Amino acid sequence: MVAFWRRWFVAAYSNPSLAAIITLLKAGADLQACDQDGLTALMYSAADSKNPEVITTAGADAKAQDVTGNTAFIYAMNNKNVKGSDVYWKLNEAQ
């Protein structure tokens, strides 16, 4: 599961296109999958991507928490590409 999850995350993170994410989901990618620390693709994307909105639009659970209780919004707070954007505030509202 972890190996597949890593491939899914890399593909999701490197393709800032909703069509690409939908293709991955149709191929069996689990949008709610998480790594050993409970981080989802949305959390990684919120932390480091320029466009995590693609994953939220695809239906990622913005309320999901990692093992320490952090949500995607907590990760987005330190991402200068996201902070203050529409998706930033959507993640804030969702938590």
PDB file of N, CA and C in Angstrom:
ATOM      1  N   MET A   1       0.823  -1.198   0.000  1.00  0.00           N
ATOM      2  CA  MET A   1       0.000   0.000   0.000  1.00  0.00           C
ATOM      3  C   MET A   1       0.865   1.258   0.000  1.00  0.00           C
ATOM      4  N   VAL A   2       1.918   1.297   0.805  1.00  0.00           N
ATOM      5  CA  VAL A   2       2.750   2.491   0.882  1.00  0.00           C
ATOM      6  C   VAL A   2       3.400   2.790  -0.458  1.00  0.00           C
ATOM      7  N   ALA A   3       3.912   1.771  -1.153  1.00  0.00           N
ATOM      8  CA  ALA A   3       4.560   2.002  -2.447  1.00  0.00           C
ATOM      9  C   ALA A   3       3.566   2.585  -3.445  1.00  0.00           C
ATOM     10  N   PHE A   4       2.345   2.035  -3.476  1.00  0.00           N
ATOM     11  CA  PHE A   4       1.334   2.570  -4.382  1.00  0.00           C
ATOM     12  C   PHE A   4       0.991   4.000  -3.985  1.00  0.00           C
ATOM     13  N   TRP A   5       0.863   4.233  -2.678  1.00  0.00           N
ATOM     14  CA  TRP A   5       0.511   5.565  -2.208  1.00  0.00           C
ATOM     15  C   TRP A   5       1.567   6.576  -2.643  1.00  0.00           C
ATOM     16  N   ARG A   6       2.822   6.199  -2.551  1.00  0.00           N
ATOM     17  CA  ARG A   6       3.889   7.125  -2.970  1.00  0.00           C
ATOM     18  C   ARG A   6       3.781   7.442  -4.451  1.00  0.00           C
ATOM     19  N   ARG A   7       3.512   6.435  -5.262  1.00  0.00           N
ATOM     20  CA  ARG A   7       3.357   6.687  -6.706  1.00  0.00           C
ATOM     21  C   ARG A   7       2.167   7.599  -6.959  1.00  0.00           C
ATOM     22  N   TRP A   8       1.061   7.359  -6.255  1.00  0.00           N
ATOM     23  CA  TRP A   8      -0.137   8.185  -6.401  1.00  0.00           C
ATOM     24  C   TRP A   8       0.171   9.616  -5.999  1.00  0.00           C
ATOM     25  N   PHE A   9       0.866   9.797  -4.882  1.00  0.00           N
ATOM     26  CA  PHE A   9       1.170  11.144  -4.433  1.00  0.00           C
ATOM     27  C   PHE A   9       2.057  11.872  -5.430  1.00  0.00           C
ATOM     28  N   VAL A  10       3.105  11.220  -5.890  1.00  0.00           N
ATOM     29  CA  VAL A  10       4.016  11.858  -6.846  1.00  0.00           C
ATOM     30  C   VAL A  10       3.249  12.266  -8.102  1.00  0.00           C
ATOM     31  N   ALA A  11       2.391  11.392  -8.572  1.00  0.00           N
ATOM     32  CA  ALA A  11       1.603  11.710  -9.763  1.00  0.00           C
ATOM     33  C   ALA A  11       0.648  12.868  -9.491  1.00  0.00           C
ATOM     34  N   ALA A  12      -0.012  12.852  -8.353  1.00  0.00           N
ATOM     35  CA  ALA A  12      -0.961  13.919  -8.021  1.00  0.00           C
ATOM     36  C   ALA A  12      -0.246  15.251  -7.828  1.00  0.00           C
ATOM     37  N   TYR A  13       0.877  15.203  -7.157  1.00  0.00           N
ATOM     38  CA  TYR A  13       1.618  16.424  -6.859  1.00  0.00           C
ATOM     39  C   TYR A  13       2.235  17.037  -8.111  1.00  0.00           C
ATOM     40  N   SER A  14       2.681  16.188  -9.020  1.00  0.00           N
ATOM     41  CA  SER A  14       3.370  16.698 -10.207  1.00  0.00           C
ATOM     42  C   SER A  14       2.435  17.025 -11.366  1.00  0.00           C
ATOM     43  N   ASN A  15       1.149  16.732 -11.218  1.00  0.00           N
ATOM     44  CA  ASN A  15       0.175  17.042 -12.261  1.00  0.00           C
ATOM     45  C   ASN A  15      -0.887  17.980 -11.711  1.00  0.00           C
ATOM     46  N   PRO A  16      -0.678  19.274 -11.818  1.00  0.00           N
ATOM     47  CA  PRO A  16      -1.635  20.220 -11.246  1.00  0.00           C
ATOM     48  C   PRO A  16      -2.887  20.372 -12.108  1.00  0.00           C
ATOM     49  N   SER A  17      -3.394  19.258 -12.554  1.00  0.00           N
ATOM     50  CA  SER A  17      -4.560  19.253 -13.430  1.00  0.00           C
ATOM     51  C   SER A  17      -5.643  18.380 -12.823  1.00  0.00           C
ATOM     52  N   LEU A  18      -6.858  18.907 -12.750  1.00  0.00           N
ATOM     53  CA  LEU A  18      -7.966  18.123 -12.223  1.00  0.00           C
ATOM     54  C   LEU A  18      -8.198  16.881 -13.079  1.00  0.00           C
ATOM     55  N   ALA A  19      -8.040  17.001 -14.390  1.00  0.00           N
ATOM     56  CA  ALA A  19      -8.219  15.853 -15.282  1.00  0.00           C
ATOM     57  C   ALA A  19      -7.218  14.744 -14.946  1.00  0.00           C
ATOM     58  N   ALA A  20      -5.986  15.106 -14.619  1.00  0.00           N
ATOM     59  CA  ALA A  20      -4.976  14.107 -14.260  1.00  0.00           C
ATOM     60  C   ALA A  20      -5.350  13.407 -12.964  1.00  0.00           C
ATOM     61  N   ILE A  21      -5.839  14.166 -11.985  1.00  0.00           N
ATOM     62  CA  ILE A  21      -6.238  13.575 -10.707  1.00  0.00           C
ATOM     63  C   ILE A  21      -7.425  12.640 -10.919  1.00  0.00           C
ATOM     64  N   ILE A  22      -8.391  13.051 -11.719  1.00  0.00           N
ATOM     65  CA  ILE A  22      -9.558  12.207 -11.991  1.00  0.00           C
ATOM     66  C   ILE A  22      -9.138  10.922 -12.681  1.00  0.00           C
ATOM     67  N   THR A  23      -8.198  11.004 -13.606  1.00  0.00           N
ATOM     68  CA  THR A  23      -7.682   9.804 -14.278  1.00  0.00           C
ATOM     69  C   THR A  23      -7.051   8.859 -13.263  1.00  0.00           C
ATOM     70  N   LEU A  24      -6.267   9.401 -12.335  1.00  0.00           N
ATOM     71  CA  LEU A  24      -5.646   8.578 -11.296  1.00  0.00           C
ATOM     72  C   LEU A  24      -6.703   7.921 -10.411  1.00  0.00           C
ATOM     73  N   LEU A  25      -7.738   8.661 -10.067  1.00  0.00           N
ATOM     74  CA  LEU A  25      -8.803   8.113  -9.230  1.00  0.00           C
ATOM     75  C   LEU A  25      -9.555   6.997  -9.951  1.00  0.00           C
ATOM     76  N   LYS A  26      -9.815   7.191 -11.234  1.00  0.00           N
ATOM     77  CA  LYS A  26     -10.487   6.150 -12.026  1.00  0.00           C
ATOM     78  C   LYS A  26      -9.622   4.900 -12.137  1.00  0.00           C
ATOM     79  N   ALA A  27      -8.312   5.086 -12.054  1.00  0.00           N
ATOM     80  CA  ALA A  27      -7.388   3.952 -12.133  1.00  0.00           C
ATOM     81  C   ALA A  27      -7.229   3.249 -10.788  1.00  0.00           C
ATOM     82  N   GLY A  28      -7.905   3.764  -9.751  1.00  0.00           N
ATOM     83  CA  GLY A  28      -7.882   3.089  -8.468  1.00  0.00           C
ATOM     84  C   GLY A  28      -7.144   3.794  -7.358  1.00  0.00           C
ATOM     85  N   ALA A  29      -6.633   4.989  -7.601  1.00  0.00           N
ATOM     86  CA  ALA A  29      -5.947   5.722  -6.536  1.00  0.00           C
ATOM     87  C   ALA A  29      -6.957   6.089  -5.454  1.00  0.00           C
ATOM     88  N   ASP A  30      -6.543   5.969  -4.217  1.00  0.00           N
ATOM     89  CA  ASP A  30      -7.394   6.285  -3.078  1.00  0.00           C
ATOM     90  C   ASP A  30      -7.072   7.695  -2.606  1.00  0.00           C
ATOM     91  N   LEU A  31      -7.994   8.609  -2.840  1.00  0.00           N
ATOM     92  CA  LEU A  31      -7.784  10.008  -2.497  1.00  0.00           C
ATOM     93  C   LEU A  31      -7.595  10.216  -1.001  1.00  0.00           C
ATOM     94  N   GLN A  32      -8.119   9.312  -0.202  1.00  0.00           N
ATOM     95  CA  GLN A  32      -8.023   9.437   1.248  1.00  0.00           C
ATOM     96  C   GLN A  32      -6.872   8.617   1.840  1.00  0.00           C
ATOM     97  N   ALA A  33      -6.090   7.960   1.000  1.00  0.00           N
ATOM     98  CA  ALA A  33      -4.964   7.151   1.486  1.00  0.00           C
ATOM     99  C   ALA A  33      -3.988   8.039   2.252  1.00  0.00           C
ATOM    100  N   CYS A  34      -3.299   7.439   3.212  1.00  0.00           N
ATOM    101  CA  CYS A  34      -2.324   8.205   3.979  1.00  0.00           C
ATOM    102  C   CYS A  34      -1.058   7.374   4.188  1.00  0.00           C
ATOM    103  N   ASP A  35       0.007   8.071   4.526  1.00  0.00           N
ATOM    104  CA  ASP A  35       1.270   7.385   4.800  1.00  0.00           C
ATOM    105  C   ASP A  35       1.305   6.934   6.262  1.00  0.00           C
ATOM    106  N   GLN A  36       2.435   6.436   6.714  1.00  0.00           N
ATOM    107  CA  GLN A  36       2.558   5.903   8.067  1.00  0.00           C
ATOM    108  C   GLN A  36       2.364   6.972   9.144  1.00  0.00           C
ATOM    109  N   ASP A  37       2.484   8.239   8.775  1.00  0.00           N
ATOM    110  CA  ASP A  37       2.281   9.327   9.723  1.00  0.00           C
ATOM    111  C   ASP A  37       0.885   9.946   9.611  1.00  0.00           C
ATOM    112  N   GLY A  38       0.065   9.356   8.755  1.00  0.00           N
ATOM    113  CA  GLY A  38      -1.303   9.837   8.587  1.00  0.00           C
ATOM    114  C   GLY A  38      -1.453  10.987   7.613  1.00  0.00           C
ATOM    115  N   LEU A  39      -0.376  11.339   6.915  1.00  0.00           N
ATOM    116  CA  LEU A  39      -0.456  12.439   5.957  1.00  0.00           C
ATOM    117  C   LEU A  39      -1.078  11.969   4.648  1.00  0.00           C
ATOM    118  N   THR A  40      -2.009  12.761   4.148  1.00  0.00           N
ATOM    119  CA  THR A  40      -2.681  12.466   2.886  1.00  0.00           C
ATOM    120  C   THR A  40      -2.029  13.264   1.759  1.00  0.00           C
ATOM    121  N   ALA A  41      -2.412  12.945   0.536  1.00  0.00           N
ATOM    122  CA  ALA A  41      -1.911  13.710  -0.610  1.00  0.00           C
ATOM    123  C   ALA A  41      -2.280  15.178  -0.474  1.00  0.00           C
ATOM    124  N   LEU A  42      -3.477  15.463   0.078  1.00  0.00           N
ATOM    125  CA  LEU A  42      -3.883  16.854   0.278  1.00  0.00           C
ATOM    126  C   LEU A  42      -2.955  17.556   1.263  1.00  0.00           C
ATOM    127  N   MET A  43      -2.568  16.894   2.327  1.00  0.00           N
ATOM    128  CA  MET A  43      -1.669  17.512   3.309  1.00  0.00           C
ATOM    129  C   MET A  43      -0.314  17.817   2.694  1.00  0.00           C
ATOM    130  N   TYR A  44       0.226  16.863   1.956  1.00  0.00           N
ATOM    131  CA  TYR A  44       1.508  17.106   1.288  1.00  0.00           C
ATOM    132  C   TYR A  44       1.381  18.245   0.287  1.00  0.00           C
ATOM    133  N   SER A  45       0.289  18.228  -0.457  1.00  0.00           N
ATOM    134  CA  SER A  45       0.072  19.263  -1.456  1.00  0.00           C
ATOM    135  C   SER A  45      -0.096  20.626  -0.801  1.00  0.00           C
ATOM    136  N   ALA A  46      -0.854  20.686   0.288  1.00  0.00           N
ATOM    137  CA  ALA A  46      -1.049  21.952   1.003  1.00  0.00           C
ATOM    138  C   ALA A  46       0.274  22.488   1.537  1.00  0.00           C
ATOM    139  N   ALA A  47       1.158  21.592   1.932  1.00  0.00           N
ATOM    140  CA  ALA A  47       2.446  21.995   2.505  1.00  0.00           C
ATOM    141  C   ALA A  47       3.427  22.509   1.471  1.00  0.00           C
ATOM    142  N   ASP A  48       3.367  21.986   0.244  1.00  0.00           N
ATOM    143  CA  ASP A  48       4.461  22.245  -0.680  1.00  0.00           C
ATOM    144  C   ASP A  48       4.055  22.545  -2.116  1.00  0.00           C
ATOM    145  N   SER A  49       2.803  22.427  -2.440  1.00  0.00           N
ATOM    146  CA  SER A  49       2.363  22.609  -3.821  1.00  0.00           C
ATOM    147  C   SER A  49       1.974  24.053  -4.087  1.00  0.00           C
ATOM    148  N   LYS A  50       1.954  24.399  -5.344  1.00  0.00           N
ATOM    149  CA  LYS A  50       1.449  25.706  -5.733  1.00  0.00           C
ATOM    150  C   LYS A  50      -0.060  25.662  -5.938  1.00  0.00           C
ATOM    151  N   ASN A  51      -0.630  24.453  -6.048  1.00  0.00           N
ATOM    152  CA  ASN A  51      -2.053  24.346  -6.348  1.00  0.00           C
ATOM    153  C   ASN A  51      -2.722  23.142  -5.689  1.00  0.00           C
ATOM    154  N   PRO A  52      -2.868  23.143  -4.373  1.00  0.00           N
ATOM    155  CA  PRO A  52      -3.551  22.025  -3.726  1.00  0.00           C
ATOM    156  C   PRO A  52      -5.049  22.013  -3.998  1.00  0.00           C
ATOM    157  N   GLU A  53      -5.556  23.080  -4.607  1.00  0.00           N
ATOM    158  CA  GLU A  53      -6.986  23.152  -4.913  1.00  0.00           C
ATOM    159  C   GLU A  53      -7.403  22.019  -5.851  1.00  0.00           C
ATOM    160  N   VAL A  54      -6.495  21.565  -6.682  1.00  0.00           N
ATOM    161  CA  VAL A  54      -6.813  20.466  -7.594  1.00  0.00           C
ATOM    162  C   VAL A  54      -7.260  19.241  -6.794  1.00  0.00           C
ATOM    163  N   ILE A  55      -6.552  18.930  -5.721  1.00  0.00           N
ATOM    164  CA  ILE A  55      -6.888  17.745  -4.932  1.00  0.00           C
ATOM    165  C   ILE A  55      -8.145  17.980  -4.110  1.00  0.00           C
ATOM    166  N   THR A  56      -8.362  19.199  -3.622  1.00  0.00           N
ATOM    167  CA  THR A  56      -9.592  19.460  -2.868  1.00  0.00           C
ATOM    168  C   THR A  56     -10.791  19.396  -3.793  1.00  0.00           C
ATOM    169  N   THR A  57     -10.645  19.886  -5.006  1.00  0.00           N
ATOM    170  CA  THR A  57     -11.738  19.837  -5.980  1.00  0.00           C
ATOM    171  C   THR A  57     -12.101  18.403  -6.318  1.00  0.00           C
ATOM    172  N   ALA A  58     -11.112  17.530  -6.305  1.00  0.00           N
ATOM    173  CA  ALA A  58     -11.359  16.120  -6.611  1.00  0.00           C
ATOM    174  C   ALA A  58     -12.072  15.408  -5.470  1.00  0.00           C
ATOM    175  N   GLY A  59     -12.163  16.030  -4.304  1.00  0.00           N
ATOM    176  CA  GLY A  59     -12.918  15.457  -3.201  1.00  0.00           C
ATOM    177  C   GLY A  59     -12.118  14.998  -2.001  1.00  0.00           C
ATOM    178  N   ALA A  60     -10.887  15.447  -1.874  1.00  0.00           N
ATOM    179  CA  ALA A  60     -10.083  15.064  -0.711  1.00  0.00           C
ATOM    180  C   ALA A  60     -10.726  15.585   0.569  1.00  0.00           C
ATOM    181  N   ASP A  61     -10.580  14.839   1.636  1.00  0.00           N
ATOM    182  CA  ASP A  61     -11.157  15.197   2.924  1.00  0.00           C
ATOM    183  C   ASP A  61     -10.258  16.215   3.629  1.00  0.00           C
ATOM    184  N   ALA A  62     -10.678  17.459   3.635  1.00  0.00           N
ATOM    185  CA  ALA A  62      -9.890  18.524   4.253  1.00  0.00           C
ATOM    186  C   ALA A  62      -9.940  18.458   5.779  1.00  0.00           C
ATOM    187  N   LYS A  63     -10.838  17.654   6.332  1.00  0.00           N
ATOM    188  CA  LYS A  63     -10.936  17.510   7.786  1.00  0.00           C
ATOM    189  C   LYS A  63     -10.048  16.391   8.325  1.00  0.00           C
ATOM    190  N   ALA A  64      -9.462  15.604   7.422  1.00  0.00           N
ATOM    191  CA  ALA A  64      -8.610  14.492   7.853  1.00  0.00           C
ATOM    192  C   ALA A  64      -7.455  15.024   8.695  1.00  0.00           C
ATOM    193  N   GLN A  65      -7.055  14.228   9.692  1.00  0.00           N
ATOM    194  CA  GLN A  65      -5.953  14.610  10.572  1.00  0.00           C
ATOM    195  C   GLN A  65      -4.845  13.572  10.505  1.00  0.00           C
ATOM    196  N   ASP A  66      -3.615  14.052  10.598  1.00  0.00           N
ATOM    197  CA  ASP A  66      -2.483  13.132  10.678  1.00  0.00           C
ATOM    198  C   ASP A  66      -2.380  12.599  12.109  1.00  0.00           C
ATOM    199  N   VAL A  67      -1.357  11.825  12.407  1.00  0.00           N
ATOM    200  CA  VAL A  67      -1.253  11.204  13.735  1.00  0.00           C
ATOM    201  C   VAL A  67      -1.055  12.217  14.866  1.00  0.00           C
ATOM    202  N   THR A  68      -0.644  13.426  14.541  1.00  0.00           N
ATOM    203  CA  THR A  68      -0.480  14.449  15.565  1.00  0.00           C
ATOM    204  C   THR A  68      -1.676  15.400  15.632  1.00  0.00           C
ATOM    205  N   GLY A  69      -2.694  15.160  14.796  1.00  0.00           N
ATOM    206  CA  GLY A  69      -3.900  15.978  14.805  1.00  0.00           C
ATOM    207  C   GLY A  69      -3.899  17.147  13.846  1.00  0.00           C
ATOM    208  N   ASN A  70      -2.860  17.268  13.023  1.00  0.00           N
ATOM    209  CA  ASN A  70      -2.790  18.367  12.058  1.00  0.00           C
ATOM    210  C   ASN A  70      -3.671  18.084  10.846  1.00  0.00           C
ATOM    211  N   THR A  71      -4.308  19.143  10.348  1.00  0.00           N
ATOM    212  CA  THR A  71      -5.100  19.052   9.128  1.00  0.00           C
ATOM    213  C   THR A  71      -4.311  19.672   7.972  1.00  0.00           C
ATOM    214  N   ALA A  72      -4.857  19.594   6.780  1.00  0.00           N
ATOM    215  CA  ALA A  72      -4.208  20.205   5.610  1.00  0.00           C
ATOM    216  C   ALA A  72      -4.026  21.706   5.814  1.00  0.00           C
ATOM    217  N   PHE A  73      -4.960  22.349   6.502  1.00  0.00           N
ATOM    218  CA  PHE A  73      -4.839  23.787   6.744  1.00  0.00           C
ATOM    219  C   PHE A  73      -3.573  24.110   7.540  1.00  0.00           C
ATOM    220  N   ILE A  74      -3.265  23.308   8.536  1.00  0.00           N
ATOM    221  CA  ILE A  74      -2.052  23.543   9.332  1.00  0.00           C
ATOM    222  C   ILE A  74      -0.827  23.505   8.422  1.00  0.00           C
ATOM    223  N   TYR A  75      -0.805  22.568   7.487  1.00  0.00           N
ATOM    224  CA  TYR A  75       0.318  22.482   6.552  1.00  0.00           C
ATOM    225  C   TYR A  75       0.325  23.659   5.580  1.00  0.00           C
ATOM    226  N   ALA A  76      -0.856  24.121   5.180  1.00  0.00           N
ATOM    227  CA  ALA A  76      -0.955  25.243   4.237  1.00  0.00           C
ATOM    228  C   ALA A  76      -0.471  26.555   4.855  1.00  0.00           C
ATOM    229  N   MET A  77      -0.542  26.658   6.170  1.00  0.00           N
ATOM    230  CA  MET A  77      -0.140  27.899   6.840  1.00  0.00           C
ATOM    231  C   MET A  77       1.311  28.283   6.562  1.00  0.00           C
ATOM    232  N   ASN A  78       2.153  27.299   6.261  1.00  0.00           N
ATOM    233  CA  ASN A  78       3.570  27.568   6.005  1.00  0.00           C
ATOM    234  C   ASN A  78       3.929  27.555   4.528  1.00  0.00           C
ATOM    235  N   ASN A  79       2.931  27.487   3.659  1.00  0.00           N
ATOM    236  CA  ASN A  79       3.183  27.447   2.220  1.00  0.00           C
ATOM    237  C   ASN A  79       2.900  28.826   1.629  1.00  0.00           C
ATOM    238  N   LYS A  80       3.951  29.545   1.285  1.00  0.00           N
ATOM    239  CA  LYS A  80       3.786  30.908   0.775  1.00  0.00           C
ATOM    240  C   LYS A  80       3.002  30.948  -0.534  1.00  0.00           C
ATOM    241  N   ASN A  81       2.972  29.840  -1.277  1.00  0.00           N
ATOM    242  CA  ASN A  81       2.225  29.795  -2.534  1.00  0.00           C
ATOM    243  C   ASN A  81       0.724  29.667  -2.311  1.00  0.00           C
ATOM    244  N   VAL A  82       0.327  29.254  -1.129  1.00  0.00           N
ATOM    245  CA  VAL A  82      -1.082  28.996  -0.830  1.00  0.00           C
ATOM    246  C   VAL A  82      -1.647  29.998   0.175  1.00  0.00           C
ATOM    247  N   LYS A  83      -0.821  30.439   1.101  1.00  0.00           N
ATOM    248  CA  LYS A  83      -1.293  31.291   2.196  1.00  0.00           C
ATOM    249  C   LYS A  83      -2.060  32.511   1.671  1.00  0.00           C
ATOM    250  N   GLY A  84      -3.279  32.683   2.182  1.00  0.00           N
ATOM    251  CA  GLY A  84      -4.122  33.806   1.791  1.00  0.00           C
ATOM    252  C   GLY A  84      -4.968  33.573   0.548  1.00  0.00           C
ATOM    253  N   SER A  85      -4.766  32.453  -0.138  1.00  0.00           N
ATOM    254  CA  SER A  85      -5.524  32.162  -1.364  1.00  0.00           C
ATOM    255  C   SER A  85      -6.918  31.618  -1.029  1.00  0.00           C
ATOM    256  N   ASP A  86      -7.748  31.480  -2.042  1.00  0.00           N
ATOM    257  CA  ASP A  86      -9.079  30.908  -1.847  1.00  0.00           C
ATOM    258  C   ASP A  86      -9.013  29.516  -1.237  1.00  0.00           C
ATOM    259  N   VAL A  87      -8.095  28.672  -1.733  1.00  0.00           N
ATOM    260  CA  VAL A  87      -7.999  27.310  -1.201  1.00  0.00           C
ATOM    261  C   VAL A  87      -7.524  27.326   0.253  1.00  0.00           C
ATOM    262  N   TYR A  88      -6.679  28.259   0.594  1.00  0.00           N
ATOM    263  CA  TYR A  88      -6.222  28.411   1.978  1.00  0.00           C
ATOM    264  C   TYR A  88      -7.416  28.634   2.904  1.00  0.00           C
ATOM    265  N   TRP A  89      -8.293  29.529   2.502  1.00  0.00           N
ATOM    266  CA  TRP A  89      -9.456  29.823   3.339  1.00  0.00           C
ATOM    267  C   TRP A  89     -10.462  28.682   3.327  1.00  0.00           C
ATOM    268  N   LYS A  90     -10.573  27.961   2.215  1.00  0.00           N
ATOM    269  CA  LYS A  90     -11.447  26.776   2.172  1.00  0.00           C
ATOM    270  C   LYS A  90     -10.949  25.696   3.134  1.00  0.00           C
ATOM    271  N   LEU A  91      -9.637  25.509   3.173  1.00  0.00           N
ATOM    272  CA  LEU A  91      -9.061  24.535   4.097  1.00  0.00           C
ATOM    273  C   LEU A  91      -9.288  24.978   5.540  1.00  0.00           C
ATOM    274  N   ASN A  92      -9.188  26.264   5.794  1.00  0.00           N
ATOM    275  CA  ASN A  92      -9.437  26.800   7.128  1.00  0.00           C
ATOM    276  C   ASN A  92     -10.883  26.528   7.549  1.00  0.00           C
ATOM    277  N   GLU A  93     -11.812  26.798   6.670  1.00  0.00           N
ATOM    278  CA  GLU A  93     -13.232  26.591   6.980  1.00  0.00           C
ATOM    279  C   GLU A  93     -13.554  25.117   7.212  1.00  0.00           C
ATOM    280  N   ALA A  94     -12.852  24.252   6.533  1.00  0.00           N
ATOM    281  CA  ALA A  94     -13.153  22.810   6.584  1.00  0.00           C
ATOM    282  C   ALA A  94     -12.690  22.148   7.870  1.00  0.00           C
ATOM    283  N   GLN A  95     -11.681  22.702   8.527  1.00  0.00           N
ATOM    284  CA  GLN A  95     -11.122  22.009   9.691  1.00  0.00           C
ATOM    285  C   GLN A  95     -12.037  22.008  10.893  1.00  0.00           C
TER     286      GLN A  95
END
